[in-house]
């Protein structure tokens, strides 16, 4: 009976470790995705700002 308890304990520990590992990997992937989306948004905002400045300059000259 003692061996059975030990095996169950090891299985629980192994399962917990595996789930923690999977959770950490999912967190890293979500962080990478968020950083990429933030970078794309920043670039789009910069392009939009530059386009607005060009439009404003064009209106002043005209």
Protein backbone atom coordinates (compact mmCIF):
# COMPACT_ATOMS: atom_id res chain seq x y z
CA UNK A 1 0.00 0.00 0.00
CA UNK A 2 2.91 2.33 0.74
CA UNK A 3 4.27 1.86 -2.79
CA UNK A 4 0.91 2.75 -4.21
CA UNK A 5 0.89 6.01 -2.22
CA UNK A 6 4.40 6.83 -3.39
CA UNK A 7 3.51 6.19 -7.04
CA UNK A 8 0.38 8.35 -6.76
CA UNK A 9 2.39 11.15 -5.10
CA UNK A 10 5.01 11.03 -7.86
CA UNK A 11 2.32 11.06 -10.53
CA UNK A 12 0.67 14.10 -8.93
CA UNK A 13 4.01 15.90 -8.70
CA UNK A 14 4.87 15.06 -12.32
CA UNK A 15 1.45 16.20 -13.54
CA UNK A 16 1.69 19.45 -11.59
CA UNK A 17 5.18 20.12 -12.98
CA UNK A 18 3.97 19.45 -16.51
CA UNK A 19 0.97 21.76 -16.13
CA UNK A 20 3.13 24.52 -14.67
CA UNK A 21 5.54 24.15 -17.59
CA UNK A 22 2.68 24.37 -20.09
CA UNK A 23 1.27 27.42 -18.32
CA UNK A 24 4.64 29.17 -18.39
CA UNK A 25 5.04 28.43 -22.11
CA UNK A 26 1.54 29.76 -22.82
CA UNK A 27 2.38 32.92 -20.87
CA UNK A 28 5.60 33.40 -22.85
CA UNK A 29 3.73 32.94 -26.15
CA UNK A 30 1.03 35.40 -25.09
CA UNK A 31 3.71 37.92 -24.14
CA UNK A 32 5.41 37.54 -27.54
CA UNK A 33 2.09 38.01 -29.33
CA UNK A 34 1.24 41.07 -27.26
CA UNK A 35 4.66 42.62 -27.90
CA UNK A 36 4.32 42.02 -31.65
CA UNK A 37 0.83 43.55 -31.71
CA UNK A 38 2.04 46.55 -29.70
CA UNK A 39 4.91 47.08 -32.14
CA UNK A 40 2.53 46.93 -35.12
CA UNK A 41 0.16 49.38 -33.45
CA UNK A 42 3.03 51.77 -32.70
CA UNK A 43 4.21 51.64 -36.31
CA UNK A 44 0.69 52.22 -37.63
CA UNK A 45 0.23 55.16 -35.27
CA UNK A 46 3.52 56.70 -36.41
CA UNK A 47 2.57 56.32 -40.08
CA UNK A 48 -0.84 57.86 -39.41
CA UNK A 49 0.73 60.79 -37.57
CA UNK A 50 3.19 61.37 -40.42
CA UNK A 51 0.36 61.28 -42.97
CA UNK A 52 -1.64 63.82 -40.96
CA UNK A 53 1.38 66.11 -40.77
CA UNK A 54 1.80 65.91 -44.55
CA UNK A 55 -1.89 66.72 -45.04
CA UNK A 56 -1.64 69.69 -42.69
CA UNK A 57 1.46 71.00 -44.48
CA UNK A 58 -0.29 70.60 -47.84
CA UNK A 59 -3.29 72.61 -46.67
CA UNK A 60 -1.11 75.45 -45.37
CA UNK A 61 0.72 75.76 -48.70
CA UNK A 62 -2.50 75.71 -50.72
